Amino acid sequence: LFRFSLNSGFVERPLVAAFFWSFVTGEWTVNFNVAIFFELFWLDLFPAGTFIPPQALFSTFASMTLVYVLDLNLTEDIFLAMILTIPLALFGSWLEGRQRMWQNKSYNQLLKRVRRGYQNEFCPEKLISKSILQILIVNFIFAYLSIYALIFIYEKIAPIWPRNSFLAWPYLWIFASIGGILSLRIRRAYVVFFTGVLMAGVYLIFKDVGWLSVS
């Protein structure tokens, strides 16, 4: 049951984070709109072998936090907040990789002790506990400082951020679907998707400048 139904990979998803965060804030619509965007955007990047994917959960949580703290309502303002969190999601994965390298030192010390015959010092549970505590502290400091940095950067960029009246969540989901299309690994799917996006983009531009009249 835990292997196939309650796997931690299913719990550590943007939609699950939005579900619990909505209970805290009481705002369901915006949180799930943000979560759907990041579910699609990071869909092609998943842990395989030694690859550490971007922290999709952090970008979702940080975006929802900015929406709640700054009381964002307009789609273009929320989109700006989401864009700002994407580089930090990449930095978070790099930081996780560094933490794994730090743990190599502890692992090497454990091997030396065992090879020297110190069997009573073989305590892998201590090594695991230390690693968990270390990544907990690192992630907490990273998230805490990142939220304040994001708020500061957002307040500086928001006044000059362009306003687009046609920007809506369905368009953002189409943009984020690039991640889902890339995960298919089918060239024809790429062609169909990008052709559709290009046609939709041209239509919106013509409509915005008044070259198309829609009754």
Protein backbone atom coordinates (compact mmCIF):
# COMPACT_ATOMS: atom_id res chain seq x y z
CA LEU A 1 0.00 0.00 0.00
CA PHE A 2 2.73 2.51 0.93
CA ARG A 3 4.78 1.57 -2.10
CA PHE A 4 2.06 1.96 -4.73
CA SER A 5 -0.67 4.11 -3.15
CA LEU A 6 0.85 6.32 -0.45
CA ASN A 7 4.24 6.96 -2.02
CA SER A 8 5.85 10.20 -0.82
CA GLY A 9 6.24 11.23 -4.45
CA PHE A 10 2.47 11.61 -4.70
CA VAL A 11 2.33 13.69 -1.52
CA GLU A 12 5.15 16.03 -2.46
CA ARG A 13 3.22 17.67 -5.27
CA PRO A 14 2.13 21.31 -5.83
CA LEU A 15 -1.55 20.32 -5.83
CA VAL A 16 -1.21 18.66 -2.42
CA ALA A 17 0.59 21.73 -1.05
CA ALA A 18 -2.19 23.96 -2.41
CA PHE A 19 -4.80 21.75 -0.77
CA PHE A 20 -3.29 22.12 2.70
CA TRP A 21 -2.33 25.78 2.24
CA SER A 22 -5.91 26.58 1.25
CA PHE A 23 -7.07 25.32 4.64
CA VAL A 24 -4.75 27.85 6.28
CA THR A 25 -5.57 30.86 4.12
CA GLY A 26 -9.12 30.05 3.05
CA GLU A 27 -8.27 31.00 -0.55
CA TRP A 28 -8.88 27.98 -2.76
CA THR A 29 -9.18 29.32 -6.30
CA VAL A 30 -5.91 31.24 -6.55
CA ASN A 31 -3.88 28.57 -4.75
CA PHE A 32 -5.05 25.81 -7.06
CA ASN A 33 -4.50 28.00 -10.12
CA VAL A 34 -0.89 28.47 -9.01
CA ALA A 35 -0.49 24.75 -8.23
CA ILE A 36 -1.82 23.66 -11.63
CA PHE A 37 0.67 25.99 -13.32
CA PHE A 38 3.65 24.49 -11.48
CA GLU A 39 2.37 20.92 -11.87
CA LEU A 40 2.51 21.39 -15.63
CA PHE A 41 5.64 23.56 -15.69
CA TRP A 42 7.88 21.09 -13.81
CA LEU A 43 6.29 17.93 -15.19
CA ASP A 44 9.22 17.01 -17.43
CA LEU A 45 11.78 17.29 -14.62
CA PHE A 46 11.64 14.37 -12.20
CA PRO A 47 14.24 12.55 -10.08
CA ALA A 48 15.92 9.84 -12.13
CA GLY A 49 19.29 8.40 -11.19
CA THR A 50 21.43 11.14 -9.68
CA PHE A 51 19.43 14.01 -11.22
CA ILE A 52 17.95 16.40 -8.65
CA PRO A 53 14.91 18.21 -10.11
CA PRO A 54 14.01 21.81 -9.23
CA GLN A 55 12.08 22.24 -6.01
CA ALA A 56 8.61 22.55 -7.50
CA LEU A 57 7.09 22.41 -4.04
CA PHE A 58 9.07 25.44 -2.91
CA SER A 59 8.12 27.54 -5.95
CA THR A 60 4.47 26.69 -5.30
CA PHE A 61 4.65 27.44 -1.59
CA ALA A 62 6.60 30.67 -2.12
CA SER A 63 4.14 31.88 -4.77
CA MET A 64 1.14 31.17 -2.55
CA THR A 65 2.87 32.90 0.36
CA LEU A 66 3.47 36.03 -1.73
CA VAL A 67 -0.15 36.02 -2.85
CA TYR A 68 -1.31 35.80 0.75
CA VAL A 69 1.14 38.29 2.29
CA LEU A 70 0.93 40.90 -0.46
CA ASP A 71 -2.81 40.33 -1.06
CA LEU A 72 -2.41 39.81 -4.80
CA ASN A 73 -5.58 39.46 -6.85
CA LEU A 74 -4.75 40.30 -10.47
CA THR A 75 -3.48 37.47 -12.64
CA GLU A 76 -0.54 39.49 -13.98
CA ASP A 77 0.60 40.29 -10.43
CA ILE A 78 0.41 36.65 -9.39
CA PHE A 79 2.26 35.64 -12.56
CA LEU A 80 5.10 38.01 -11.64
CA ALA A 81 5.33 36.38 -8.21
CA MET A 82 5.51 32.92 -9.79
CA ILE A 83 8.24 33.98 -12.22
CA LEU A 84 10.36 35.27 -9.35
CA THR A 85 10.15 31.94 -7.52
CA ILE A 86 11.38 29.82 -10.45
CA PRO A 87 15.11 30.72 -10.13
CA LEU A 88 14.94 29.94 -6.40
CA ALA A 89 13.48 26.52 -7.16
CA LEU A 90 16.55 25.84 -9.29
CA PHE A 91 18.85 27.19 -6.59
CA GLY A 92 17.13 24.95 -4.03
CA SER A 93 17.97 21.85 -6.05
CA TRP A 94 21.60 23.00 -6.31
CA LEU A 95 21.65 23.50 -2.55
CA GLU A 96 20.31 19.98 -2.06
CA GLY A 97 23.11 18.66 -4.24
CA ARG A 98 25.66 20.48 -2.12
CA GLN A 99 24.16 18.97 1.02
CA ARG A 100 24.57 15.50 -0.45
CA MET A 101 28.22 16.25 -1.13
CA TRP A 102 28.62 17.36 2.49
CA GLN A 103 27.26 13.99 3.55
CA ASN A 104 29.97 12.19 1.57
CA LYS A 105 32.44 13.30 4.20
CA SER A 106 30.43 11.64 6.98
CA TYR A 107 30.05 8.50 4.90
CA ASN A 108 33.80 8.30 4.30
CA GLN A 109 34.45 8.66 8.04
CA LEU A 110 32.05 5.78 8.69
CA LEU A 111 33.87 3.56 6.19
CA LYS A 112 37.22 4.29 7.79
CA ARG A 113 35.92 3.34 11.23
CA VAL A 114 34.50 0.05 9.98
CA ARG A 115 37.65 -0.87 8.07
CA ARG A 116 39.76 -0.20 11.14
CA GLY A 117 37.69 -2.69 13.11
CA TYR A 118 35.63 -0.30 15.21
CA GLN A 119 32.46 -2.37 14.81
CA ASN A 120 30.86 -0.88 17.91
CA GLU A 121 31.01 2.54 16.25
CA PHE A 122 28.99 1.38 13.26
CA CYS A 123 25.83 3.47 13.79
CA PRO A 124 24.19 4.23 10.43
CA GLU A 125 21.10 5.56 12.23
CA LYS A 126 23.17 8.45 13.58
CA LEU A 127 24.39 9.24 10.08
CA ILE A 128 20.81 9.29 8.77
CA SER A 129 19.51 11.40 11.65
CA LYS A 130 22.31 13.90 11.17
CA SER A 131 21.57 14.16 7.46
CA ILE A 132 17.85 14.70 8.03
CA LEU A 133 18.49 17.36 10.66
CA GLN A 134 21.00 19.08 8.43
CA ILE A 135 18.72 19.29 5.39
CA LEU A 136 15.86 20.44 7.62
CA ILE A 137 17.91 23.36 8.94
CA VAL A 138 19.26 24.23 5.49
CA ASN A 139 15.82 24.21 3.88
CA PHE A 140 14.29 26.23 6.71
CA ILE A 141 16.93 28.96 6.46
CA PHE A 142 16.72 28.91 2.65
CA ALA A 143 12.92 29.25 2.66
CA TYR A 144 12.88 31.91 5.39
CA LEU A 145 15.43 34.16 3.68
CA SER A 146 13.97 33.54 0.22
CA ILE A 147 10.48 34.69 1.20
CA TYR A 148 11.78 38.01 2.50
CA ALA A 149 14.00 38.43 -0.56
CA LEU A 150 11.05 37.69 -2.86
CA ILE A 151 8.87 40.26 -1.11
CA PHE A 152 11.61 42.89 -1.44
CA ILE A 153 12.25 42.13 -5.12
CA TYR A 154 8.55 42.00 -5.95
CA GLU A 155 7.89 45.42 -4.44
CA LYS A 156 10.72 46.86 -6.56
CA ILE A 157 9.62 45.27 -9.85
CA ALA A 158 5.82 45.46 -9.52
CA PRO A 159 5.54 49.21 -10.32
CA ILE A 160 7.28 48.76 -13.70
CA TRP A 161 5.75 45.35 -14.51
CA PRO A 162 3.70 45.60 -17.76
CA ARG A 163 -0.05 45.12 -17.44
CA ASN A 164 -1.73 42.80 -19.94
CA SER A 165 -5.49 42.81 -19.93
CA PHE A 166 -5.72 39.54 -21.92
CA LEU A 167 -3.53 37.55 -19.47
CA ALA A 168 -5.65 34.83 -17.86
CA TRP A 169 -5.06 31.50 -16.14
CA PRO A 170 -5.96 29.33 -19.16
CA TYR A 171 -3.21 31.08 -21.16
CA LEU A 172 -0.73 30.55 -18.34
CA TRP A 173 -1.64 26.86 -18.16
CA ILE A 174 -1.07 26.55 -21.91
CA PHE A 175 2.35 28.13 -21.45
CA ALA A 176 3.12 25.81 -18.53
CA SER A 177 2.02 22.80 -20.61
CA ILE A 178 5.40 22.95 -22.28
CA GLY A 179 6.61 20.78 -19.41
CA GLY A 180 3.93 18.19 -20.08
CA ILE A 181 4.60 18.17 -23.82
CA LEU A 182 8.34 17.74 -23.31
CA SER A 183 7.69 14.73 -21.07
CA LEU A 184 6.02 12.90 -24.00
CA ARG A 185 9.31 12.70 -25.93
CA ILE A 186 7.33 12.77 -29.23
CA ARG A 187 8.49 15.19 -31.92
CA ARG A 188 5.05 15.48 -33.54
CA ALA A 189 3.57 16.53 -30.22
CA TYR A 190 6.15 19.32 -30.02
CA VAL A 191 5.24 20.57 -33.49
CA VAL A 192 1.49 20.54 -32.86
CA PHE A 193 1.83 22.23 -29.48
CA PHE A 194 4.16 25.05 -30.54
CA THR A 195 2.15 25.66 -33.71
CA GLY A 196 -1.00 26.05 -31.62
CA VAL A 197 0.74 28.37 -29.18
CA LEU A 198 2.09 30.48 -32.05
CA MET A 199 -1.35 30.79 -33.66
CA ALA A 200 -2.94 31.69 -30.34
CA GLY A 201 -0.24 34.28 -29.68
CA VAL A 202 -0.72 35.92 -33.08
CA TYR A 203 -4.48 35.99 -32.54
CA LEU A 204 -4.13 37.68 -29.15
CA ILE A 205 -1.71 40.27 -30.53
CA PHE A 206 -4.03 41.14 -33.41
CA LYS A 207 -6.97 41.32 -31.06
CA ASP A 208 -5.10 43.55 -28.61
CA VAL A 209 -4.10 46.09 -31.27
CA GLY A 210 -7.62 46.17 -32.67
CA TRP A 211 -6.98 44.41 -35.99
CA LEU A 212 -9.63 41.80 -35.19
CA SER A 213 -13.19 42.53 -34.21
CA VAL A 214 -14.88 39.94 -32.06
CA SER A 215 -18.64 40.21 -31.58
